[in-house]
Amino acid sequence: MDEMETKLDLAIAYIDMGDADAAKEIAMEVLKKGTPEQQTIAEALLNGL
């Protein structure tokens, strides 16, 4: 598992805990540095916030 996968998992955990701001910050980082697949997941997370 690479760093961006871990960050996606962390963003999901923050969403589950109700911390949308932290989730958004991490998802934005994945949008900038992740693979195209990871970016798609991050974008979906952001759209759900």
PDB file of N, CA and C in Angstrom:
ATOM      1  N   MET A   1       0.853  -1.183   0.000  1.00  0.00           N
ATOM      2  CA  MET A   1       0.000   0.000   0.000  1.00  0.00           C
ATOM      3  C   MET A   1       0.896   1.242   0.000  1.00  0.00           C
ATOM      4  N   ASP A   2       0.602   2.148  -0.897  1.00  0.00           N
ATOM      5  CA  ASP A   2       1.439   3.344  -0.965  1.00  0.00           C
ATOM      6  C   ASP A   2       0.872   4.476  -0.101  1.00  0.00           C
ATOM      7  N   GLU A   3       1.595   5.552  -0.063  1.00  0.00           N
ATOM      8  CA  GLU A   3       1.250   6.676   0.810  1.00  0.00           C
ATOM      9  C   GLU A   3      -0.121   7.264   0.480  1.00  0.00           C
ATOM     10  N   MET A   4      -0.432   7.403  -0.797  1.00  0.00           N
ATOM     11  CA  MET A   4      -1.704   8.007  -1.183  1.00  0.00           C
ATOM     12  C   MET A   4      -2.880   7.097  -0.837  1.00  0.00           C
ATOM     13  N   GLU A   5      -2.685   5.781  -0.925  1.00  0.00           N
ATOM     14  CA  GLU A   5      -3.741   4.841  -0.504  1.00  0.00           C
ATOM     15  C   GLU A   5      -4.006   5.008   0.992  1.00  0.00           C
ATOM     16  N   THR A   6      -2.936   5.149   1.748  1.00  0.00           N
ATOM     17  CA  THR A   6      -3.070   5.347   3.190  1.00  0.00           C
ATOM     18  C   THR A   6      -3.808   6.643   3.480  1.00  0.00           C
ATOM     19  N   LYS A   7      -3.484   7.684   2.720  1.00  0.00           N
ATOM     20  CA  LYS A   7      -4.148   8.973   2.917  1.00  0.00           C
ATOM     21  C   LYS A   7      -5.633   8.891   2.576  1.00  0.00           C
ATOM     22  N   LEU A   8      -5.984   8.125   1.546  1.00  0.00           N
ATOM     23  CA  LEU A   8      -7.405   7.944   1.232  1.00  0.00           C
ATOM     24  C   LEU A   8      -8.121   7.253   2.386  1.00  0.00           C
ATOM     25  N   ASP A   9      -7.498   6.224   2.942  1.00  0.00           N
ATOM     26  CA  ASP A   9      -8.087   5.531   4.093  1.00  0.00           C
ATOM     27  C   ASP A   9      -8.256   6.492   5.268  1.00  0.00           C
ATOM     28  N   LEU A  10      -7.278   7.347   5.463  1.00  0.00           N
ATOM     29  CA  LEU A  10      -7.339   8.311   6.555  1.00  0.00           C
ATOM     30  C   LEU A  10      -8.459   9.329   6.312  1.00  0.00           C
ATOM     31  N   ALA A  11      -8.595   9.786   5.081  1.00  0.00           N
ATOM     32  CA  ALA A  11      -9.673  10.735   4.759  1.00  0.00           C
ATOM     33  C   ALA A  11     -11.030  10.104   5.036  1.00  0.00           C
ATOM     34  N   ILE A  12     -11.201   8.844   4.671  1.00  0.00           N
ATOM     35  CA  ILE A  12     -12.460   8.141   4.933  1.00  0.00           C
ATOM     36  C   ILE A  12     -12.698   8.033   6.446  1.00  0.00           C
ATOM     37  N   ALA A  13     -11.645   7.758   7.194  1.00  0.00           N
ATOM     38  CA  ALA A  13     -11.772   7.674   8.650  1.00  0.00           C
ATOM     39  C   ALA A  13     -12.195   9.024   9.232  1.00  0.00           C
ATOM     40  N   TYR A  14     -11.623  10.110   8.721  1.00  0.00           N
ATOM     41  CA  TYR A  14     -12.015  11.439   9.203  1.00  0.00           C
ATOM     42  C   TYR A  14     -13.472  11.723   8.882  1.00  0.00           C
ATOM     43  N   ILE A  15     -13.936  11.311   7.704  1.00  0.00           N
ATOM     44  CA  ILE A  15     -15.345  11.497   7.352  1.00  0.00           C
ATOM     45  C   ILE A  15     -16.218  10.733   8.342  1.00  0.00           C
ATOM     46  N   ASP A  16     -15.830   9.501   8.640  1.00  0.00           N
ATOM     47  CA  ASP A  16     -16.590   8.677   9.581  1.00  0.00           C
ATOM     48  C   ASP A  16     -16.645   9.312  10.973  1.00  0.00           C
ATOM     49  N   MET A  17     -15.592  10.049  11.332  1.00  0.00           N
ATOM     50  CA  MET A  17     -15.540  10.703  12.648  1.00  0.00           C
ATOM     51  C   MET A  17     -16.206  12.080  12.625  1.00  0.00           C
ATOM     52  N   GLY A  18     -16.631  12.518  11.439  1.00  0.00           N
ATOM     53  CA  GLY A  18     -17.296  13.811  11.340  1.00  0.00           C
ATOM     54  C   GLY A  18     -16.364  14.991  11.165  1.00  0.00           C
ATOM     55  N   ASP A  19     -15.116  14.740  10.831  1.00  0.00           N
ATOM     56  CA  ASP A  19     -14.140  15.823  10.652  1.00  0.00           C
ATOM     57  C   ASP A  19     -13.947  16.086   9.156  1.00  0.00           C
ATOM     58  N   ALA A  20     -14.904  16.814   8.573  1.00  0.00           N
ATOM     59  CA  ALA A  20     -14.893  17.070   7.136  1.00  0.00           C
ATOM     60  C   ALA A  20     -13.692  17.920   6.707  1.00  0.00           C
ATOM     61  N   ASP A  21     -13.275  18.852   7.553  1.00  0.00           N
ATOM     62  CA  ASP A  21     -12.151  19.715   7.185  1.00  0.00           C
ATOM     63  C   ASP A  21     -10.861  18.920   7.006  1.00  0.00           C
ATOM     64  N   ALA A  22     -10.588  18.023   7.930  1.00  0.00           N
ATOM     65  CA  ALA A  22      -9.378  17.197   7.825  1.00  0.00           C
ATOM     66  C   ALA A  22      -9.472  16.276   6.616  1.00  0.00           C
ATOM     67  N   ALA A  23     -10.654  15.709   6.394  1.00  0.00           N
ATOM     68  CA  ALA A  23     -10.852  14.821   5.248  1.00  0.00           C
ATOM     69  C   ALA A  23     -10.622  15.575   3.949  1.00  0.00           C
ATOM     70  N   LYS A  24     -11.129  16.795   3.870  1.00  0.00           N
ATOM     71  CA  LYS A  24     -10.976  17.606   2.659  1.00  0.00           C
ATOM     72  C   LYS A  24      -9.505  17.913   2.394  1.00  0.00           C
ATOM     73  N   GLU A  25      -8.781  18.273   3.424  1.00  0.00           N
ATOM     74  CA  GLU A  25      -7.357  18.600   3.281  1.00  0.00           C
ATOM     75  C   GLU A  25      -6.569  17.405   2.726  1.00  0.00           C
ATOM     76  N   ILE A  26      -6.832  16.242   3.261  1.00  0.00           N
ATOM     77  CA  ILE A  26      -6.117  15.044   2.824  1.00  0.00           C
ATOM     78  C   ILE A  26      -6.533  14.656   1.411  1.00  0.00           C
ATOM     79  N   ALA A  27      -7.827  14.727   1.123  1.00  0.00           N
ATOM     80  CA  ALA A  27      -8.312  14.380  -0.218  1.00  0.00           C
ATOM     81  C   ALA A  27      -7.730  15.321  -1.268  1.00  0.00           C
ATOM     82  N   MET A  28      -7.573  16.580  -0.931  1.00  0.00           N
ATOM     83  CA  MET A  28      -6.976  17.541  -1.871  1.00  0.00           C
ATOM     84  C   MET A  28      -5.526  17.164  -2.174  1.00  0.00           C
ATOM     85  N   GLU A  29      -4.817  16.691  -1.180  1.00  0.00           N
ATOM     86  CA  GLU A  29      -3.434  16.253  -1.398  1.00  0.00           C
ATOM     87  C   GLU A  29      -3.392  15.052  -2.347  1.00  0.00           C
ATOM     88  N   VAL A  30      -4.318  14.123  -2.166  1.00  0.00           N
ATOM     89  CA  VAL A  30      -4.375  12.960  -3.047  1.00  0.00           C
ATOM     90  C   VAL A  30      -4.718  13.394  -4.471  1.00  0.00           C
ATOM     91  N   LEU A  31      -5.578  14.397  -4.612  1.00  0.00           N
ATOM     92  CA  LEU A  31      -5.900  14.916  -5.946  1.00  0.00           C
ATOM     93  C   LEU A  31      -4.660  15.439  -6.660  1.00  0.00           C
ATOM     94  N   LYS A  32      -3.746  16.014  -5.902  1.00  0.00           N
ATOM     95  CA  LYS A  32      -2.533  16.590  -6.493  1.00  0.00           C
ATOM     96  C   LYS A  32      -1.460  15.538  -6.773  1.00  0.00           C
ATOM     97  N   LYS A  33      -1.350  14.521  -5.912  1.00  0.00           N
ATOM     98  CA  LYS A  33      -0.194  13.630  -5.976  1.00  0.00           C
ATOM     99  C   LYS A  33      -0.516  12.172  -6.284  1.00  0.00           C
ATOM    100  N   GLY A  34      -1.798  11.805  -6.261  1.00  0.00           N
ATOM    101  CA  GLY A  34      -2.165  10.403  -6.424  1.00  0.00           C
ATOM    102  C   GLY A  34      -2.212   9.957  -7.875  1.00  0.00           C
ATOM    103  N   THR A  35      -2.430   8.665  -8.039  1.00  0.00           N
ATOM    104  CA  THR A  35      -2.617   8.093  -9.370  1.00  0.00           C
ATOM    105  C   THR A  35      -3.993   8.541  -9.880  1.00  0.00           C
ATOM    106  N   PRO A  36      -4.247   8.377 -11.178  1.00  0.00           N
ATOM    107  CA  PRO A  36      -5.577   8.743 -11.690  1.00  0.00           C
ATOM    108  C   PRO A  36      -6.720   8.041 -10.945  1.00  0.00           C
ATOM    109  N   GLU A  37      -6.541   6.773 -10.616  1.00  0.00           N
ATOM    110  CA  GLU A  37      -7.584   6.048  -9.870  1.00  0.00           C
ATOM    111  C   GLU A  37      -7.778   6.654  -8.483  1.00  0.00           C
ATOM    112  N   GLN A  38      -6.672   6.959  -7.812  1.00  0.00           N
ATOM    113  CA  GLN A  38      -6.748   7.560  -6.479  1.00  0.00           C
ATOM    114  C   GLN A  38      -7.383   8.943  -6.560  1.00  0.00           C
ATOM    115  N   GLN A  39      -7.071   9.680  -7.614  1.00  0.00           N
ATOM    116  CA  GLN A  39      -7.659  11.016  -7.786  1.00  0.00           C
ATOM    117  C   GLN A  39      -9.167  10.922  -7.961  1.00  0.00           C
ATOM    118  N   THR A  40      -9.623   9.914  -8.677  1.00  0.00           N
ATOM    119  CA  THR A  40     -11.070   9.720  -8.869  1.00  0.00           C
ATOM    120  C   THR A  40     -11.747   9.447  -7.535  1.00  0.00           C
ATOM    121  N   ILE A  41     -11.136   8.619  -6.709  1.00  0.00           N
ATOM    122  CA  ILE A  41     -11.699   8.315  -5.390  1.00  0.00           C
ATOM    123  C   ILE A  41     -11.712   9.578  -4.521  1.00  0.00           C
ATOM    124  N   ALA A  42     -10.613  10.320  -4.540  1.00  0.00           N
ATOM    125  CA  ALA A  42     -10.525  11.544  -3.748  1.00  0.00           C
ATOM    126  C   ALA A  42     -11.580  12.550  -4.191  1.00  0.00           C
ATOM    127  N   GLU A  43     -11.787  12.663  -5.479  1.00  0.00           N
ATOM    128  CA  GLU A  43     -12.794  13.589  -6.006  1.00  0.00           C
ATOM    129  C   GLU A  43     -14.195  13.170  -5.542  1.00  0.00           C
ATOM    130  N   ALA A  44     -14.460  11.873  -5.552  1.00  0.00           N
ATOM    131  CA  ALA A  44     -15.758  11.381  -5.078  1.00  0.00           C
ATOM    132  C   ALA A  44     -15.954  11.692  -3.590  1.00  0.00           C
ATOM    133  N   LEU A  45     -14.880  11.541  -2.824  1.00  0.00           N
ATOM    134  CA  LEU A  45     -14.963  11.879  -1.398  1.00  0.00           C
ATOM    135  C   LEU A  45     -15.279  13.367  -1.207  1.00  0.00           C
ATOM    136  N   LEU A  46     -14.587  14.198  -1.960  1.00  0.00           N
ATOM    137  CA  LEU A  46     -14.802  15.634  -1.850  1.00  0.00           C
ATOM    138  C   LEU A  46     -16.221  16.017  -2.262  1.00  0.00           C
ATOM    139  N   ASN A  47     -16.725  15.384  -3.297  1.00  0.00           N
ATOM    140  CA  ASN A  47     -18.083  15.685  -3.749  1.00  0.00           C
ATOM    141  C   ASN A  47     -19.117  15.254  -2.722  1.00  0.00           C
ATOM    142  N   GLY A  48     -18.765  14.289  -1.895  1.00  0.00           N
ATOM    143  CA  GLY A  48     -19.683  13.826  -0.860  1.00  0.00           C
ATOM    144  C   GLY A  48     -19.667  14.642   0.407  1.00  0.00           C
ATOM    145  N   LEU A  49     -18.740  15.573   0.509  1.00  0.00           N
ATOM    146  CA  LEU A  49     -18.634  16.373   1.735  1.00  0.00           C
ATOM    147  C   LEU A  49     -19.580  17.559   1.725  1.00  0.00           C
TER     148      LEU A  49
END
